[in-house]
Amino acid sequence: MGDKGLDFKHKEVINITDGKRLGYVQDVCADLETGVITHIIVPGSNKLINLFTQSNNIVIPWKNVKCIGDDIILVEI
């Protein structure tokens, strides 16, 4: 069976700024008119932030995605 190049939900996101593992992609958002990916969403894990906000998801703009590999996505945030 063929491999999907854009199967982001099975890729772990890692911040290259501090080496922190952010988790796996929860969602990918795109501009519906152009079809261009605008950002990816990773579920956040900071419980302190969760006390003050409804959602603790990490929204990463597409411009911050630096490299996409077989198993990982490297971002700079």
PDB file of N, CA and C in Angstrom:
ATOM      1  N   MET A   1       0.848  -1.184   0.000  1.00  0.00           N
ATOM      2  CA  MET A   1       0.000   0.000   0.000  1.00  0.00           C
ATOM      3  C   MET A   1       0.889   1.241   0.000  1.00  0.00           C
ATOM      4  N   GLY A   2       0.463   2.279  -0.711  1.00  0.00           N
ATOM      5  CA  GLY A   2       1.249   3.505  -0.824  1.00  0.00           C
ATOM      6  C   GLY A   2       1.313   4.283   0.471  1.00  0.00           C
ATOM      7  N   ASP A   3       2.360   5.052   0.615  1.00  0.00           N
ATOM      8  CA  ASP A   3       2.561   5.871   1.802  1.00  0.00           C
ATOM      9  C   ASP A   3       2.012   7.267   1.537  1.00  0.00           C
ATOM     10  N   LYS A   4       1.215   7.783   2.455  1.00  0.00           N
ATOM     11  CA  LYS A   4       0.681   9.143   2.317  1.00  0.00           C
ATOM     12  C   LYS A   4       1.718  10.143   2.795  1.00  0.00           C
ATOM     13  N   GLY A   5       2.106  11.063   1.925  1.00  0.00           N
ATOM     14  CA  GLY A   5       3.109  12.057   2.285  1.00  0.00           C
ATOM     15  C   GLY A   5       2.594  13.095   3.250  1.00  0.00           C
ATOM     16  N   LEU A   6       1.289  13.315   3.281  1.00  0.00           N
ATOM     17  CA  LEU A   6       0.732  14.351   4.147  1.00  0.00           C
ATOM     18  C   LEU A   6      -0.034  13.766   5.324  1.00  0.00           C
ATOM     19  N   ASP A   7       0.341  12.597   5.802  1.00  0.00           N
ATOM     20  CA  ASP A   7      -0.312  11.979   6.944  1.00  0.00           C
ATOM     21  C   ASP A   7       0.332  12.512   8.227  1.00  0.00           C
ATOM     22  N   PHE A   8      -0.040  13.733   8.604  1.00  0.00           N
ATOM     23  CA  PHE A   8       0.601  14.428   9.720  1.00  0.00           C
ATOM     24  C   PHE A   8       0.263  13.839  11.087  1.00  0.00           C
ATOM     25  N   LYS A   9      -0.865  13.184  11.239  1.00  0.00           N
ATOM     26  CA  LYS A   9      -1.298  12.724  12.559  1.00  0.00           C
ATOM     27  C   LYS A   9      -0.402  11.641  13.143  1.00  0.00           C
ATOM     28  N   HIS A  10       0.468  11.059  12.344  1.00  0.00           N
ATOM     29  CA  HIS A  10       1.389  10.041  12.842  1.00  0.00           C
ATOM     30  C   HIS A  10       2.805  10.577  12.986  1.00  0.00           C
ATOM     31  N   LYS A  11       2.930  11.897  12.954  1.00  0.00           N
ATOM     32  CA  LYS A  11       4.248  12.520  13.069  1.00  0.00           C
ATOM     33  C   LYS A  11       4.349  13.298  14.391  1.00  0.00           C
ATOM     34  N   GLU A  12       5.453  13.119  15.076  1.00  0.00           N
ATOM     35  CA  GLU A  12       5.685  13.834  16.323  1.00  0.00           C
ATOM     36  C   GLU A  12       6.301  15.194  16.020  1.00  0.00           C
ATOM     37  N   VAL A  13       5.833  16.221  16.720  1.00  0.00           N
ATOM     38  CA  VAL A  13       6.327  17.579  16.517  1.00  0.00           C
ATOM     39  C   VAL A  13       7.374  17.888  17.582  1.00  0.00           C
ATOM     40  N   ILE A  14       8.527  18.365  17.128  1.00  0.00           N
ATOM     41  CA  ILE A  14       9.634  18.691  18.033  1.00  0.00           C
ATOM     42  C   ILE A  14      10.065  20.131  17.769  1.00  0.00           C
ATOM     43  N   ASN A  15      10.195  20.891  18.855  1.00  0.00           N
ATOM     44  CA  ASN A  15      10.639  22.281  18.771  1.00  0.00           C
ATOM     45  C   ASN A  15      12.170  22.299  18.723  1.00  0.00           C
ATOM     46  N   ILE A  16      12.733  22.799  17.624  1.00  0.00           N
ATOM     47  CA  ILE A  16      14.197  22.798  17.503  1.00  0.00           C
ATOM     48  C   ILE A  16      14.857  23.869  18.358  1.00  0.00           C
ATOM     49  N   THR A  17      14.079  24.814  18.868  1.00  0.00           N
ATOM     50  CA  THR A  17      14.636  25.866  19.715  1.00  0.00           C
ATOM     51  C   THR A  17      15.128  25.307  21.042  1.00  0.00           C
ATOM     52  N   ASP A  18      14.320  24.406  21.644  1.00  0.00           N
ATOM     53  CA  ASP A  18      14.710  23.854  22.947  1.00  0.00           C
ATOM     54  C   ASP A  18      14.740  22.322  22.978  1.00  0.00           C
ATOM     55  N   GLY A  19      14.434  21.676  21.849  1.00  0.00           N
ATOM     56  CA  GLY A  19      14.457  20.219  21.783  1.00  0.00           C
ATOM     57  C   GLY A  19      13.247  19.546  22.405  1.00  0.00           C
ATOM     58  N   LYS A  20      12.261  20.315  22.822  1.00  0.00           N
ATOM     59  CA  LYS A  20      11.093  19.766  23.511  1.00  0.00           C
ATOM     60  C   LYS A  20      10.166  19.045  22.537  1.00  0.00           C
ATOM     61  N   ARG A  21       9.700  17.882  22.961  1.00  0.00           N
ATOM     62  CA  ARG A  21       8.702  17.139  22.204  1.00  0.00           C
ATOM     63  C   ARG A  21       7.338  17.729  22.513  1.00  0.00           C
ATOM     64  N   LEU A  22       6.643  18.188  21.491  1.00  0.00           N
ATOM     65  CA  LEU A  22       5.355  18.854  21.693  1.00  0.00           C
ATOM     66  C   LEU A  22       4.179  17.903  21.577  1.00  0.00           C
ATOM     67  N   GLY A  23       4.386  16.738  20.996  1.00  0.00           N
ATOM     68  CA  GLY A  23       3.312  15.766  20.821  1.00  0.00           C
ATOM     69  C   GLY A  23       3.056  15.508  19.349  1.00  0.00           C
ATOM     70  N   TYR A  24       1.945  14.853  19.085  1.00  0.00           N
ATOM     71  CA  TYR A  24       1.587  14.497  17.717  1.00  0.00           C
ATOM     72  C   TYR A  24       0.571  15.487  17.170  1.00  0.00           C
ATOM     73  N   VAL A  25       0.607  15.700  15.875  1.00  0.00           N
ATOM     74  CA  VAL A  25      -0.297  16.641  15.226  1.00  0.00           C
ATOM     75  C   VAL A  25      -1.742  16.220  15.467  1.00  0.00           C
ATOM     76  N   GLN A  26      -2.540  17.159  15.948  1.00  0.00           N
ATOM     77  CA  GLN A  26      -3.961  16.915  16.189  1.00  0.00           C
ATOM     78  C   GLN A  26      -4.790  17.333  14.974  1.00  0.00           C
ATOM     79  N   ASP A  27      -4.383  18.429  14.330  1.00  0.00           N
ATOM     80  CA  ASP A  27      -5.150  18.942  13.198  1.00  0.00           C
ATOM     81  C   ASP A  27      -4.243  19.776  12.298  1.00  0.00           C
ATOM     82  N   VAL A  28      -4.634  19.866  11.041  1.00  0.00           N
ATOM     83  CA  VAL A  28      -3.945  20.693  10.055  1.00  0.00           C
ATOM     84  C   VAL A  28      -4.992  21.629   9.468  1.00  0.00           C
ATOM     85  N   CYS A  29      -4.708  22.921   9.453  1.00  0.00           N
ATOM     86  CA  CYS A  29      -5.662  23.902   8.927  1.00  0.00           C
ATOM     87  C   CYS A  29      -5.122  24.496   7.639  1.00  0.00           C
ATOM     88  N   ALA A  30      -6.039  24.742   6.704  1.00  0.00           N
ATOM     89  CA  ALA A  30      -5.645  25.277   5.405  1.00  0.00           C
ATOM     90  C   ALA A  30      -6.605  26.367   4.966  1.00  0.00           C
ATOM     91  N   ASP A  31      -6.121  27.225   4.092  1.00  0.00           N
ATOM     92  CA  ASP A  31      -6.957  28.232   3.451  1.00  0.00           C
ATOM     93  C   ASP A  31      -7.777  27.499   2.390  1.00  0.00           C
ATOM     94  N   LEU A  32      -9.097  27.492   2.532  1.00  0.00           N
ATOM     95  CA  LEU A  32      -9.946  26.723   1.633  1.00  0.00           C
ATOM     96  C   LEU A  32      -9.955  27.253   0.209  1.00  0.00           C
ATOM     97  N   GLU A  33      -9.670  28.525   0.032  1.00  0.00           N
ATOM     98  CA  GLU A  33      -9.653  29.092  -1.313  1.00  0.00           C
ATOM     99  C   GLU A  33      -8.397  28.713  -2.087  1.00  0.00           C
ATOM    100  N   THR A  34      -7.264  28.695  -1.398  1.00  0.00           N
ATOM    101  CA  THR A  34      -5.993  28.423  -2.078  1.00  0.00           C
ATOM    102  C   THR A  34      -5.502  26.989  -1.881  1.00  0.00           C
ATOM    103  N   GLY A  35      -5.984  26.319  -0.835  1.00  0.00           N
ATOM    104  CA  GLY A  35      -5.521  24.974  -0.525  1.00  0.00           C
ATOM    105  C   GLY A  35      -4.181  24.947   0.181  1.00  0.00           C
ATOM    106  N   VAL A  36      -3.678  26.102   0.590  1.00  0.00           N
ATOM    107  CA  VAL A  36      -2.381  26.212   1.253  1.00  0.00           C
ATOM    108  C   VAL A  36      -2.546  25.965   2.750  1.00  0.00           C
ATOM    109  N   ILE A  37      -1.665  25.142   3.314  1.00  0.00           N
ATOM    110  CA  ILE A  37      -1.690  24.887   4.757  1.00  0.00           C
ATOM    111  C   ILE A  37      -1.282  26.164   5.483  1.00  0.00           C
ATOM    112  N   THR A  38      -2.073  26.545   6.508  1.00  0.00           N
ATOM    113  CA  THR A  38      -1.789  27.773   7.250  1.00  0.00           C
ATOM    114  C   THR A  38      -1.145  27.504   8.603  1.00  0.00           C
ATOM    115  N   HIS A  39      -1.541  26.415   9.270  1.00  0.00           N
ATOM    116  CA  HIS A  39      -0.931  26.065  10.546  1.00  0.00           C
ATOM    117  C   HIS A  39      -1.268  24.631  10.933  1.00  0.00           C
ATOM    118  N   ILE A  40      -0.507  24.123  11.896  1.00  0.00           N
ATOM    119  CA  ILE A  40      -0.797  22.811  12.468  1.00  0.00           C
ATOM    120  C   ILE A  40      -1.115  23.007  13.941  1.00  0.00           C
ATOM    121  N   ILE A  41      -1.877  22.084  14.492  1.00  0.00           N
ATOM    122  CA  ILE A  41      -2.286  22.170  15.888  1.00  0.00           C
ATOM    123  C   ILE A  41      -1.820  20.917  16.619  1.00  0.00           C
ATOM    124  N   VAL A  42      -1.188  21.139  17.769  1.00  0.00           N
ATOM    125  CA  VAL A  42      -0.700  20.066  18.623  1.00  0.00           C
ATOM    126  C   VAL A  42      -1.373  20.231  19.976  1.00  0.00           C
ATOM    127  N   PRO A  43      -1.878  19.144  20.576  1.00  0.00           N
ATOM    128  CA  PRO A  43      -2.482  19.290  21.902  1.00  0.00           C
ATOM    129  C   PRO A  43      -1.435  19.710  22.927  1.00  0.00           C
ATOM    130  N   GLY A  44      -1.727  20.752  23.679  1.00  0.00           N
ATOM    131  CA  GLY A  44      -0.805  21.226  24.703  1.00  0.00           C
ATOM    132  C   GLY A  44      -0.903  20.381  25.951  1.00  0.00           C
ATOM    133  N   SER A  45       0.116  20.456  26.789  1.00  0.00           N
ATOM    134  CA  SER A  45       0.112  19.650  28.014  1.00  0.00           C
ATOM    135  C   SER A  45       0.372  20.473  29.261  1.00  0.00           C
ATOM    136  N   ASN A  46       0.458  21.783  29.127  1.00  0.00           N
ATOM    137  CA  ASN A  46       0.743  22.628  30.280  1.00  0.00           C
ATOM    138  C   ASN A  46      -0.532  22.845  31.092  1.00  0.00           C
ATOM    139  N   LYS A  47      -0.614  22.216  32.254  1.00  0.00           N
ATOM    140  CA  LYS A  47      -1.833  22.288  33.070  1.00  0.00           C
ATOM    141  C   LYS A  47      -2.060  23.668  33.665  1.00  0.00           C
ATOM    142  N   LEU A  48      -0.989  24.427  33.901  1.00  0.00           N
ATOM    143  CA  LEU A  48      -1.129  25.770  34.447  1.00  0.00           C
ATOM    144  C   LEU A  48      -1.850  26.670  33.449  1.00  0.00           C
ATOM    145  N   ILE A  49      -1.464  26.584  32.193  1.00  0.00           N
ATOM    146  CA  ILE A  49      -2.129  27.383  31.163  1.00  0.00           C
ATOM    147  C   ILE A  49      -3.594  26.967  31.048  1.00  0.00           C
ATOM    148  N   ASN A  50      -3.863  25.693  31.207  1.00  0.00           N
ATOM    149  CA  ASN A  50      -5.223  25.166  31.069  1.00  0.00           C
ATOM    150  C   ASN A  50      -6.172  25.754  32.112  1.00  0.00           C
ATOM    151  N   LEU A  51      -5.657  26.231  33.230  1.00  0.00           N
ATOM    152  CA  LEU A  51      -6.507  26.841  34.254  1.00  0.00           C
ATOM    153  C   LEU A  51      -7.093  28.167  33.768  1.00  0.00           C
ATOM    154  N   PHE A  52      -6.386  28.846  32.890  1.00  0.00           N
ATOM    155  CA  PHE A  52      -6.778  30.186  32.461  1.00  0.00           C
ATOM    156  C   PHE A  52      -7.401  30.244  31.072  1.00  0.00           C
ATOM    157  N   THR A  53      -7.304  29.161  30.311  1.00  0.00           N
ATOM    158  CA  THR A  53      -7.840  29.156  28.955  1.00  0.00           C
ATOM    159  C   THR A  53      -8.756  27.964  28.746  1.00  0.00           C
ATOM    160  N   GLN A  54      -9.640  28.066  27.786  1.00  0.00           N
ATOM    161  CA  GLN A  54     -10.533  26.973  27.459  1.00  0.00           C
ATOM    162  C   GLN A  54      -9.784  25.842  26.755  1.00  0.00           C
ATOM    163  N   SER A  55      -8.802  26.196  25.960  1.00  0.00           N
ATOM    164  CA  SER A  55      -8.051  25.207  25.188  1.00  0.00           C
ATOM    165  C   SER A  55      -6.560  25.458  25.375  1.00  0.00           C
ATOM    166  N   ASN A  56      -5.818  24.399  25.543  1.00  0.00           N
ATOM    167  CA  ASN A  56      -4.379  24.564  25.691  1.00  0.00           C
ATOM    168  C   ASN A  56      -3.637  24.046  24.469  1.00  0.00           C
ATOM    169  N   ASN A  57      -4.328  24.011  23.318  1.00  0.00           N
ATOM    170  CA  ASN A  57      -3.684  23.567  22.090  1.00  0.00           C
ATOM    171  C   ASN A  57      -2.576  24.525  21.682  1.00  0.00           C
ATOM    172  N   ILE A  58      -1.555  23.976  21.061  1.00  0.00           N
ATOM    173  CA  ILE A  58      -0.459  24.776  20.537  1.00  0.00           C
ATOM    174  C   ILE A  58      -0.700  24.945  19.038  1.00  0.00           C
ATOM    175  N   VAL A  59      -0.881  26.182  18.612  1.00  0.00           N
ATOM    176  CA  VAL A  59      -1.107  26.485  17.200  1.00  0.00           C
ATOM    177  C   VAL A  59       0.224  26.953  16.616  1.00  0.00           C
ATOM    178  N   ILE A  60       0.705  26.212  15.626  1.00  0.00           N
ATOM    179  CA  ILE A  60       2.014  26.501  15.036  1.00  0.00           C
ATOM    180  C   ILE A  60       1.809  26.975  13.596  1.00  0.00           C
ATOM    181  N   PRO A  61       2.141  28.233  13.323  1.00  0.00           N
ATOM    182  CA  PRO A  61       2.025  28.734  11.951  1.00  0.00           C
ATOM    183  C   PRO A  61       2.891  27.914  10.993  1.00  0.00           C
ATOM    184  N   TRP A  62       2.401  27.730   9.779  1.00  0.00           N
ATOM    185  CA  TRP A  62       3.116  26.926   8.795  1.00  0.00           C
ATOM    186  C   TRP A  62       4.519  27.465   8.522  1.00  0.00           C
ATOM    187  N   LYS A  63       4.707  28.787   8.619  1.00  0.00           N
ATOM    188  CA  LYS A  63       6.033  29.366   8.378  1.00  0.00           C
ATOM    189  C   LYS A  63       7.059  28.904   9.418  1.00  0.00           C
ATOM    190  N   ASN A  64       6.585  28.387  10.561  1.00  0.00           N
ATOM    191  CA  ASN A  64       7.483  27.916  11.614  1.00  0.00           C
ATOM    192  C   ASN A  64       7.857  26.440  11.451  1.00  0.00           C
ATOM    193  N   VAL A  65       7.250  25.757  10.485  1.00  0.00           N
ATOM    194  CA  VAL A  65       7.609  24.365  10.199  1.00  0.00           C
ATOM    195  C   VAL A  65       8.893  24.390   9.391  1.00  0.00           C
ATOM    196  N   LYS A  66       9.929  23.774   9.933  1.00  0.00           N
ATOM    197  CA  LYS A  66      11.252  23.836   9.299  1.00  0.00           C
ATOM    198  C   LYS A  66      11.600  22.583   8.513  1.00  0.00           C
ATOM    199  N   CYS A  67      11.099  21.419   8.930  1.00  0.00           N
ATOM    200  CA  CYS A  67      11.443  20.176   8.251  1.00  0.00           C
ATOM    201  C   CYS A  67      10.377  19.125   8.561  1.00  0.00           C
ATOM    202  N   ILE A  68      10.017  18.345   7.548  1.00  0.00           N
ATOM    203  CA  ILE A  68       9.060  17.255   7.735  1.00  0.00           C
ATOM    204  C   ILE A  68       9.757  15.967   7.334  1.00  0.00           C
ATOM    205  N   GLY A  69       9.885  15.055   8.306  1.00  0.00           N
ATOM    206  CA  GLY A  69      10.522  13.768   8.041  1.00  0.00           C
ATOM    207  C   GLY A  69       9.498  12.654   8.030  1.00  0.00           C
ATOM    208  N   ASP A  70       9.978  11.420   7.995  1.00  0.00           N
ATOM    209  CA  ASP A  70       9.087  10.263   7.983  1.00  0.00           C
ATOM    210  C   ASP A  70       8.273  10.157   9.268  1.00  0.00           C
ATOM    211  N   ASP A  71       8.900  10.460  10.411  1.00  0.00           N
ATOM    212  CA  ASP A  71       8.254  10.290  11.708  1.00  0.00           C
ATOM    213  C   ASP A  71       8.096  11.572  12.494  1.00  0.00           C
ATOM    214  N   ILE A  72       8.777  12.645  12.093  1.00  0.00           N
ATOM    215  CA  ILE A  72       8.782  13.868  12.890  1.00  0.00           C
ATOM    216  C   ILE A  72       8.557  15.107  12.024  1.00  0.00           C
ATOM    217  N   ILE A  73       8.122  16.150  12.701  1.00  0.00           N
ATOM    218  CA  ILE A  73       8.042  17.486  12.113  1.00  0.00           C
ATOM    219  C   ILE A  73       8.844  18.398  13.021  1.00  0.00           C
ATOM    220  N   LEU A  74       9.833  19.075  12.470  1.00  0.00           N
ATOM    221  CA  LEU A  74      10.636  20.015  13.253  1.00  0.00           C
ATOM    222  C   LEU A  74      10.085  21.406  13.070  1.00  0.00           C
ATOM    223  N   VAL A  75       9.839  22.076  14.200  1.00  0.00           N
ATOM    224  CA  VAL A  75       9.302  23.432  14.171  1.00  0.00           C
ATOM    225  C   VAL A  75      10.203  24.339  14.998  1.00  0.00           C
ATOM    226  N   GLU A  76      10.067  25.642  14.758  1.00  0.00           N
ATOM    227  CA  GLU A  76      10.829  26.626  15.528  1.00  0.00           C
ATOM    228  C   GLU A  76       9.840  27.598  16.145  1.00  0.00           C
ATOM    229  N   ILE A  77       9.617  27.426  17.448  1.00  0.00           N
ATOM    230  CA  ILE A  77       8.704  28.342  18.167  1.00  0.00           C
ATOM    231  C   ILE A  77       9.337  28.823  19.450  1.00  0.00           C
TER     232      ILE A  77
END
